[in-house]
């Protein structure tokens, strides 16, 4: 049986896919900060006729509040789907691993370096306990991209020397004006209901959204982390009380001299592109949007194989690995990809060059400790390059 922490769109989708992944899986418990999210999610799942009977969530297994994750994990389940805003991910992942649960862990896995280090430790614990840990970096489960990067790693393009990835799209959830805040709503609830606009809980657009593109850069480089990076970024469109940037460009460099550029922008009415462009010593690789990946040069190739629904494949392979007694553990590379994104944000926010070691060992903690529903939680000023300090 499975259970879910986080009942938003991605959590609901993950539950739907998990219920289709194995004929003997049922949804046993759900948890979210807000009851309306639980209600909306269960209604949607029960409306899918082929899985209605598998949504076996009694009223006493519907949990809400900041401690909902603990109640869900303790409800007698075997698999936990973690799909809350990512600021909570390290805490929730650690609790699930300590309880001996198999896990689907949505991306990104943390919003700061201390959180990534916690995820790395949880990954080691999961391996020791033979627990499955599948990452929500969904492109790694898409057949065309798998075939493409397998050829890249086999040398079809020669040595990869440069990669340019784009995540140019519109804003996800614009921040409402402060005057729209209901009377009596606490600082914590206000920020959580608008979580995408606050760095501590979302990580910024580079970390929360464009991390998919950062992950593909890491994949191309065989998950060897970059030595250093620099970055530019800022806020072009006013966002009321929010403190995230709406554009960041990161420039990564590897020990062997290879480089990569990550261009992220989330502004309305602009040119959109979500693609990857690779340059090698024997050819070039292109993944243009949702089109089939291709390689030009000495070893021309274009993917023409089976198409799959990558979100479904994540869960199919998760549950198959559990049944086979050979649990998948994506933990090491998923943590590195998350840190690469955090590293880029750190460089953009400070205007400084940031090394991998600095990012890995940074004490720049942005997630509040011992969060309570009614506590005062001031909104941090938006970062200013050249003034915001690298910690």
Protein backbone atom coordinates (compact mmCIF):
# COMPACT_ATOMS: atom_id res chain seq x y z
CA UNK A 1 0.00 0.00 0.00
CA UNK A 2 1.10 3.59 -0.45
CA UNK A 3 0.52 6.92 1.18
CA UNK A 4 1.07 10.50 0.18
CA UNK A 5 2.38 13.65 1.84
CA UNK A 6 1.31 16.67 -0.20
CA UNK A 7 -2.03 16.87 -1.99
CA UNK A 8 -1.36 19.51 -4.63
CA UNK A 9 -1.25 18.87 -8.35
CA UNK A 10 2.01 16.92 -8.32
CA UNK A 11 1.03 14.92 -5.27
CA UNK A 12 -2.30 13.99 -6.81
CA UNK A 13 -0.59 13.01 -10.04
CA UNK A 14 1.97 10.90 -8.20
CA UNK A 15 -0.79 9.08 -6.32
CA UNK A 16 -2.66 8.38 -9.55
CA UNK A 17 0.48 6.97 -11.15
CA UNK A 18 1.36 4.88 -8.10
CA UNK A 19 -2.09 3.29 -8.10
CA UNK A 20 -1.60 2.26 -11.73
CA UNK A 21 1.92 0.97 -11.20
CA UNK A 22 1.03 -2.20 -9.32
CA UNK A 23 -2.25 -4.13 -9.19
CA UNK A 24 -1.99 -4.64 -5.42
CA UNK A 25 -1.33 -1.02 -4.44
CA UNK A 26 -3.97 0.99 -2.60
CA UNK A 27 -3.88 4.55 -1.33
CA UNK A 28 -4.16 4.22 2.43
CA UNK A 29 -3.51 7.69 3.87
CA UNK A 30 -2.94 11.28 2.74
CA UNK A 31 -1.59 14.39 4.40
CA UNK A 32 -1.42 18.08 3.57
CA UNK A 33 -1.21 21.40 5.33
CA UNK A 34 -4.78 22.24 4.34
CA UNK A 35 -8.01 20.24 4.43
CA UNK A 36 -9.30 21.73 1.19
CA UNK A 37 -6.27 20.33 -0.61
CA UNK A 38 -6.99 16.87 0.80
CA UNK A 39 -10.64 17.09 -0.25
CA UNK A 40 -9.83 18.33 -3.74
CA UNK A 41 -7.20 15.65 -4.29
CA UNK A 42 -9.35 12.74 -3.12
CA UNK A 43 -12.24 13.95 -5.24
CA UNK A 44 -10.01 14.01 -8.29
CA UNK A 45 -8.60 10.54 -7.64
CA UNK A 46 -12.01 9.02 -6.97
CA UNK A 47 -13.16 10.52 -10.26
CA UNK A 48 -10.68 8.34 -12.18
CA UNK A 49 -12.80 5.24 -12.82
CA UNK A 50 -9.98 2.75 -13.24
CA UNK A 51 -8.50 3.50 -9.80
CA UNK A 52 -11.58 4.55 -7.76
CA UNK A 53 -11.68 1.28 -5.83
CA UNK A 54 -8.00 1.63 -4.88
CA UNK A 55 -8.51 5.01 -3.14
CA UNK A 56 -9.07 3.45 0.27
CA UNK A 57 -8.56 6.52 2.44
CA UNK A 58 -10.87 6.52 5.45
CA UNK A 59 -11.61 9.85 7.20
CA UNK A 60 -9.31 8.89 10.07
CA UNK A 61 -6.43 8.56 7.60
CA UNK A 62 -6.72 12.10 6.25
CA UNK A 63 -4.24 14.28 8.09
CA UNK A 64 -3.62 18.02 8.01
CA UNK A 65 -1.20 20.50 9.56
CA UNK A 66 2.55 20.78 9.91
CA UNK A 67 2.76 17.36 11.55
CA UNK A 68 0.62 15.59 8.94
CA UNK A 69 3.70 13.88 7.49
CA UNK A 70 4.42 12.16 10.81
CA UNK A 71 0.86 10.84 11.05
CA UNK A 72 0.90 9.63 7.46
CA UNK A 73 4.20 7.78 7.90
CA UNK A 74 2.93 6.18 11.13
CA UNK A 75 -0.35 5.02 9.55
CA UNK A 76 0.84 1.54 8.62
CA UNK A 77 1.97 2.06 5.03
CA UNK A 78 4.79 0.56 2.98
CA UNK A 79 5.51 3.33 0.45
CA UNK A 80 5.46 7.10 0.95
CA UNK A 81 5.10 9.67 -1.84
CA UNK A 82 6.72 12.99 -0.85
CA UNK A 83 5.29 15.89 -2.85
CA UNK A 84 5.10 18.89 -0.53
CA UNK A 85 6.89 22.18 -1.26
CA UNK A 86 10.60 21.32 -1.23
CA UNK A 87 11.61 23.29 1.86
CA UNK A 88 10.05 20.46 3.84
CA UNK A 89 11.63 17.66 1.83
CA UNK A 90 14.75 16.93 3.93
CA UNK A 91 12.71 16.61 7.13
CA UNK A 92 10.06 14.44 5.51
CA UNK A 93 12.60 12.24 3.74
CA UNK A 94 14.53 11.63 6.95
CA UNK A 95 11.34 10.66 8.80
CA UNK A 96 10.30 8.23 6.06
CA UNK A 97 13.73 6.58 5.93
CA UNK A 98 13.96 6.28 9.70
CA UNK A 99 10.55 4.60 9.66
CA UNK A 100 11.74 2.09 7.05
CA UNK A 101 9.46 3.19 4.19
CA UNK A 102 10.10 2.96 0.46
CA UNK A 103 9.93 6.45 -1.03
CA UNK A 104 9.07 8.45 -4.11
CA UNK A 105 10.74 11.84 -3.56
CA UNK A 106 9.71 14.76 -5.76
CA UNK A 107 12.27 17.25 -7.02
CA UNK A 108 14.02 19.31 -5.80
CA UNK A 109 15.15 17.57 -2.64
CA UNK A 110 16.02 20.68 -0.60
CA UNK A 111 16.23 24.47 -0.83
CA UNK A 112 19.60 25.03 0.85
CA UNK A 113 22.94 23.34 1.45
CA UNK A 114 22.18 22.08 4.99
CA UNK A 115 19.05 20.47 3.55
CA UNK A 116 21.04 18.78 0.78
CA UNK A 117 23.50 17.40 3.32
CA UNK A 118 20.56 15.97 5.27
CA UNK A 119 19.28 14.35 2.06
CA UNK A 120 22.70 12.84 1.40
CA UNK A 121 22.70 11.30 4.87
CA UNK A 122 19.15 10.01 4.40
CA UNK A 123 20.25 8.46 1.11
CA UNK A 124 23.01 6.55 2.87
CA UNK A 125 20.55 5.37 5.51
CA UNK A 126 18.11 4.23 2.81
CA UNK A 127 20.85 2.14 1.16
CA UNK A 128 21.74 0.52 4.47
CA UNK A 129 18.08 -0.38 4.99
CA UNK A 130 17.60 -1.58 1.38
CA UNK A 131 14.84 0.95 0.81
CA UNK A 132 13.76 2.11 -2.64
CA UNK A 133 14.23 5.84 -3.21
CA UNK A 134 13.05 7.11 -6.59
CA UNK A 135 13.57 10.75 -7.59
CA UNK A 136 11.03 13.01 -9.24
CA UNK A 137 13.57 14.12 -11.84
CA UNK A 138 11.24 12.67 -14.43
CA UNK A 139 13.39 13.12 -17.55
CA UNK A 140 15.67 10.35 -16.29
CA UNK A 141 12.70 8.03 -16.78
CA UNK A 142 11.85 9.16 -20.33
CA UNK A 143 12.95 6.56 -22.88
CA UNK A 144 14.11 9.01 -25.56
CA UNK A 145 16.32 10.96 -23.14
CA UNK A 146 17.69 7.73 -21.70
CA UNK A 147 18.70 6.54 -25.17
CA UNK A 148 20.20 9.94 -26.00
CA UNK A 149 22.35 10.25 -22.90
CA UNK A 150 23.43 6.60 -23.17
CA UNK A 151 24.86 7.43 -26.61
CA UNK A 152 26.42 10.63 -25.30
CA UNK A 153 28.14 8.66 -22.53
CA UNK A 154 29.28 6.02 -25.04
CA UNK A 155 31.09 8.71 -27.01
CA UNK A 156 28.77 9.27 -29.97
CA UNK A 157 29.54 13.02 -29.73
CA UNK A 158 33.11 12.57 -28.56
CA UNK A 159 33.86 14.46 -25.37
CA UNK A 160 31.13 16.86 -24.22
CA UNK A 161 32.68 20.33 -24.10
CA UNK A 162 29.68 22.59 -23.69
CA UNK A 163 25.95 22.40 -22.90
CA UNK A 164 23.35 25.16 -23.02
CA UNK A 165 20.03 24.44 -21.32
CA UNK A 166 17.00 26.71 -21.28
CA UNK A 167 14.02 27.00 -18.98
CA UNK A 168 12.31 30.08 -20.38
CA UNK A 169 8.64 30.15 -19.46
CA UNK A 170 5.97 32.10 -17.60
CA UNK A 171 5.53 32.58 -13.85
CA UNK A 172 3.90 29.76 -11.92
CA UNK A 173 2.01 31.36 -9.03
CA UNK A 174 2.26 35.17 -8.85
CA UNK A 175 2.20 36.64 -5.35
CA UNK A 176 -1.08 38.36 -4.40
CA UNK A 177 -0.91 41.87 -2.92
CA UNK A 178 -0.48 42.11 0.86
CA UNK A 179 -3.97 43.60 1.05
CA UNK A 180 -5.43 40.27 -0.09
CA UNK A 181 -4.18 38.55 3.05
CA UNK A 182 -7.21 37.52 5.14
CA UNK A 183 -7.51 39.09 8.57
CA UNK A 184 -5.99 36.93 11.27
CA UNK A 185 -3.97 34.74 8.90
CA UNK A 186 -0.55 34.03 10.41
CA UNK A 187 2.75 34.81 8.69
CA UNK A 188 3.42 31.11 8.29
CA UNK A 189 0.07 30.30 6.71
CA UNK A 190 0.31 33.30 4.35
CA UNK A 191 3.71 32.21 3.11
CA UNK A 192 2.74 28.55 2.81
CA UNK A 193 -0.40 29.36 0.83
CA UNK A 194 1.83 31.34 -1.55
CA UNK A 195 4.83 29.07 -1.19
CA UNK A 196 6.22 29.45 -4.68
CA UNK A 197 7.09 33.11 -4.00
CA UNK A 198 9.35 32.56 -0.98
CA UNK A 199 12.92 31.31 -1.22
CA UNK A 200 12.95 29.25 1.97
CA UNK A 201 10.10 27.02 0.90
CA UNK A 202 10.46 26.90 -2.91
CA UNK A 203 14.17 27.55 -3.44
CA UNK A 204 13.52 30.09 -6.26
CA UNK A 205 12.54 29.26 -9.83
CA UNK A 206 15.98 27.90 -10.68
CA UNK A 207 15.83 25.37 -7.85
CA UNK A 208 12.12 24.49 -7.90
CA UNK A 209 11.41 24.49 -11.64
CA UNK A 210 14.55 24.71 -13.75
CA UNK A 211 16.20 22.01 -11.63
CA UNK A 212 14.99 19.60 -14.34
CA UNK A 213 17.30 21.33 -16.81
CA UNK A 214 20.12 21.49 -14.26
CA UNK A 215 19.66 17.75 -13.77
CA UNK A 216 20.04 17.12 -17.51
CA UNK A 217 23.31 19.08 -17.43
CA UNK A 218 24.48 16.87 -14.57
CA UNK A 219 23.36 13.80 -16.52
CA UNK A 220 25.34 14.85 -19.57
CA UNK A 221 28.44 15.25 -17.38
CA UNK A 222 27.98 11.72 -15.93
CA UNK A 223 26.95 13.26 -12.59
CA UNK A 224 30.44 14.58 -11.96
CA UNK A 225 29.82 17.87 -10.12
CA UNK A 226 31.19 21.16 -11.49
CA UNK A 227 34.21 22.77 -9.87
CA UNK A 228 32.68 26.24 -9.76
CA UNK A 229 30.03 28.54 -11.14
CA UNK A 230 29.14 32.20 -11.54
CA UNK A 231 25.66 33.57 -12.21
CA UNK A 232 23.59 36.63 -13.05
CA UNK A 233 20.00 37.17 -11.97
CA UNK A 234 17.43 39.46 -10.46
CA UNK A 235 13.81 40.50 -10.30
CA UNK A 236 12.50 42.34 -13.35
CA UNK A 237 8.75 42.23 -12.60
CA UNK A 238 7.61 43.48 -9.15
CA UNK A 239 6.21 40.68 -7.04
CA UNK A 240 4.63 42.33 -3.98
CA UNK A 241 6.00 40.63 -0.86
CA UNK A 242 7.69 37.71 -2.66
CA UNK A 243 11.48 37.40 -2.52
CA UNK A 244 12.40 35.13 -5.45
CA UNK A 245 14.13 36.19 -8.67
CA UNK A 246 12.34 35.85 -12.00
CA UNK A 247 15.50 35.17 -14.02
CA UNK A 248 18.88 33.55 -13.38
CA UNK A 249 21.66 32.54 -15.78
CA UNK A 250 24.29 30.17 -14.37
CA UNK A 251 27.71 29.38 -15.87
CA UNK A 252 29.19 26.07 -14.66
CA UNK A 253 32.77 24.88 -15.18
CA UNK A 254 34.22 21.38 -14.75
CA UNK A 255 37.74 20.28 -13.91
CA UNK A 256 38.30 19.01 -17.46
CA UNK A 257 37.43 22.44 -18.89
CA UNK A 258 33.89 21.55 -19.98
CA UNK A 259 31.33 24.27 -19.41
CA UNK A 260 27.56 24.62 -19.25
CA UNK A 261 25.12 27.51 -19.22
CA UNK A 262 21.70 27.28 -17.55
CA UNK A 263 19.26 30.02 -18.64
CA UNK A 264 16.14 30.33 -16.49
CA UNK A 265 13.48 33.01 -16.88
CA UNK A 266 9.85 33.03 -15.70
CA UNK A 267 8.24 36.20 -17.03
CA UNK A 268 4.98 36.58 -18.96
CA UNK A 269 4.79 37.59 -22.63
CA UNK A 270 8.36 36.55 -23.42
CA UNK A 271 9.89 33.98 -25.77
CA UNK A 272 9.57 30.48 -24.31
CA UNK A 273 12.00 27.60 -24.75
CA UNK A 274 12.74 24.45 -22.77
CA UNK A 275 15.57 22.77 -24.62
CA UNK A 276 19.08 21.37 -24.34
CA UNK A 277 21.97 21.93 -26.76
CA UNK A 278 25.22 19.96 -26.43
CA UNK A 279 28.53 20.43 -28.23
CA UNK A 280 31.06 17.61 -28.40
CA UNK A 281 34.39 17.01 -30.13
CA UNK A 282 32.69 14.79 -32.75
CA UNK A 283 29.22 16.26 -33.04
CA UNK A 284 26.32 18.11 -31.50
CA UNK A 285 23.26 16.97 -29.57
CA UNK A 286 19.88 18.65 -29.45
CA UNK A 287 16.78 18.06 -27.35
CA UNK A 288 14.33 20.66 -28.61
CA UNK A 289 11.38 20.84 -26.25
CA UNK A 290 9.36 17.62 -26.38
CA UNK A 291 10.80 16.58 -29.75
CA UNK A 292 12.88 13.45 -30.27
CA UNK A 293 16.52 13.90 -29.21
CA UNK A 294 19.06 13.92 -32.02
CA UNK A 295 22.81 13.85 -32.63
CA UNK A 296 24.54 15.36 -35.66
CA UNK A 297 28.14 15.00 -36.79
CA UNK A 298 30.15 11.81 -37.23
CA UNK A 299 27.48 9.58 -35.67
CA UNK A 300 24.13 10.94 -36.80
CA UNK A 301 21.16 9.64 -34.84
CA UNK A 302 17.60 10.53 -33.97
CA UNK A 303 15.47 8.70 -31.43
CA UNK A 304 12.68 6.70 -33.04
CA UNK A 305 11.94 4.14 -30.36
CA UNK A 306 9.07 3.61 -27.96
CA UNK A 307 7.44 6.63 -26.39
CA UNK A 308 6.47 6.47 -22.74
CA UNK A 309 4.74 8.52 -20.06
CA UNK A 310 7.76 9.33 -17.90
CA UNK A 311 5.76 10.17 -14.78
CA UNK A 312 4.14 6.75 -14.93
CA UNK A 313 7.44 5.01 -15.60
CA UNK A 314 8.89 6.47 -12.40
CA UNK A 315 6.29 4.61 -10.38
CA UNK A 316 6.26 1.49 -12.53
CA UNK A 317 9.98 1.05 -11.93
CA UNK A 318 9.73 2.01 -8.25
CA UNK A 319 7.18 -0.67 -7.43
CA UNK A 320 8.78 -3.26 -9.72
CA UNK A 321 12.09 -2.79 -7.90
CA UNK A 322 10.41 -3.29 -4.53
CA UNK A 323 8.66 -6.46 -5.71
CA UNK A 324 11.91 -7.81 -7.13
CA UNK A 325 13.85 -7.14 -3.93
CA UNK A 326 16.22 -4.89 -5.88
CA UNK A 327 15.25 -1.41 -4.69
CA UNK A 328 16.22 1.56 -6.85
CA UNK A 329 18.15 4.27 -5.04
CA UNK A 330 18.45 7.56 -6.96
CA UNK A 331 19.63 9.39 -3.87
CA UNK A 332 23.23 10.21 -4.72
CA UNK A 333 22.65 11.82 -8.11
CA UNK A 334 19.38 13.50 -7.12
CA UNK A 335 21.16 15.23 -4.22
CA UNK A 336 24.00 16.38 -6.51
CA UNK A 337 21.55 17.81 -9.06
CA UNK A 338 19.72 19.66 -6.30
CA UNK A 339 22.97 21.10 -4.97
CA UNK A 340 23.98 22.21 -8.47
CA UNK A 341 20.79 24.27 -8.63
CA UNK A 342 21.27 25.66 -5.10
CA UNK A 343 24.86 26.48 -5.99
CA UNK A 344 23.69 28.49 -9.00
CA UNK A 345 21.20 30.43 -6.91
CA UNK A 346 23.89 31.20 -4.33
CA UNK A 347 26.11 32.62 -7.07
CA UNK A 348 23.28 34.72 -8.51
CA UNK A 349 22.17 36.06 -5.12
CA UNK A 350 25.68 37.05 -4.00
CA UNK A 351 27.34 37.93 -7.30
CA UNK A 352 30.29 35.76 -6.24
CA UNK A 353 31.99 32.76 -7.76
CA UNK A 354 30.86 29.69 -5.84
CA UNK A 355 32.85 26.45 -5.77
CA UNK A 356 31.33 23.01 -5.33
CA UNK A 357 33.04 22.67 -1.97
CA UNK A 358 31.67 26.01 -0.81
CA UNK A 359 28.16 24.98 -1.81
CA UNK A 360 28.49 21.54 -0.25
CA UNK A 361 29.75 22.91 3.07
CA UNK A 362 27.78 26.16 3.20
CA UNK A 363 26.06 27.05 6.45
CA UNK A 364 23.58 29.29 4.62
CA UNK A 365 20.41 27.86 6.16
CA UNK A 366 17.18 29.47 4.92
CA UNK A 367 14.50 27.08 6.27
CA UNK A 368 13.09 28.10 9.68
CA UNK A 369 13.67 25.58 12.44
CA UNK A 370 10.87 24.27 14.65
CA UNK A 371 8.20 25.94 12.52
CA UNK A 372 4.85 26.53 14.23
CA UNK A 373 1.59 27.67 12.69
CA UNK A 374 1.23 30.94 14.61
CA UNK A 375 4.83 32.09 14.88
CA UNK A 376 6.08 35.39 13.52
CA UNK A 377 7.97 34.82 10.29
CA UNK A 378 9.43 37.93 8.71
CA UNK A 379 9.87 37.95 4.96
CA UNK A 380 13.55 38.17 4.09
CA UNK A 381 14.48 41.04 1.73
CA UNK A 382 15.17 39.99 -1.84
CA UNK A 383 18.86 39.24 -2.39
CA UNK A 384 21.10 41.95 -3.86
CA UNK A 385 24.27 40.79 -5.67
CA UNK A 386 27.35 42.42 -4.22
CA UNK A 387 25.59 42.98 -0.90
CA UNK A 388 24.10 39.61 0.02
CA UNK A 389 26.88 37.61 1.66
CA UNK A 390 28.00 34.11 0.79
CA UNK A 391 27.79 32.06 3.97
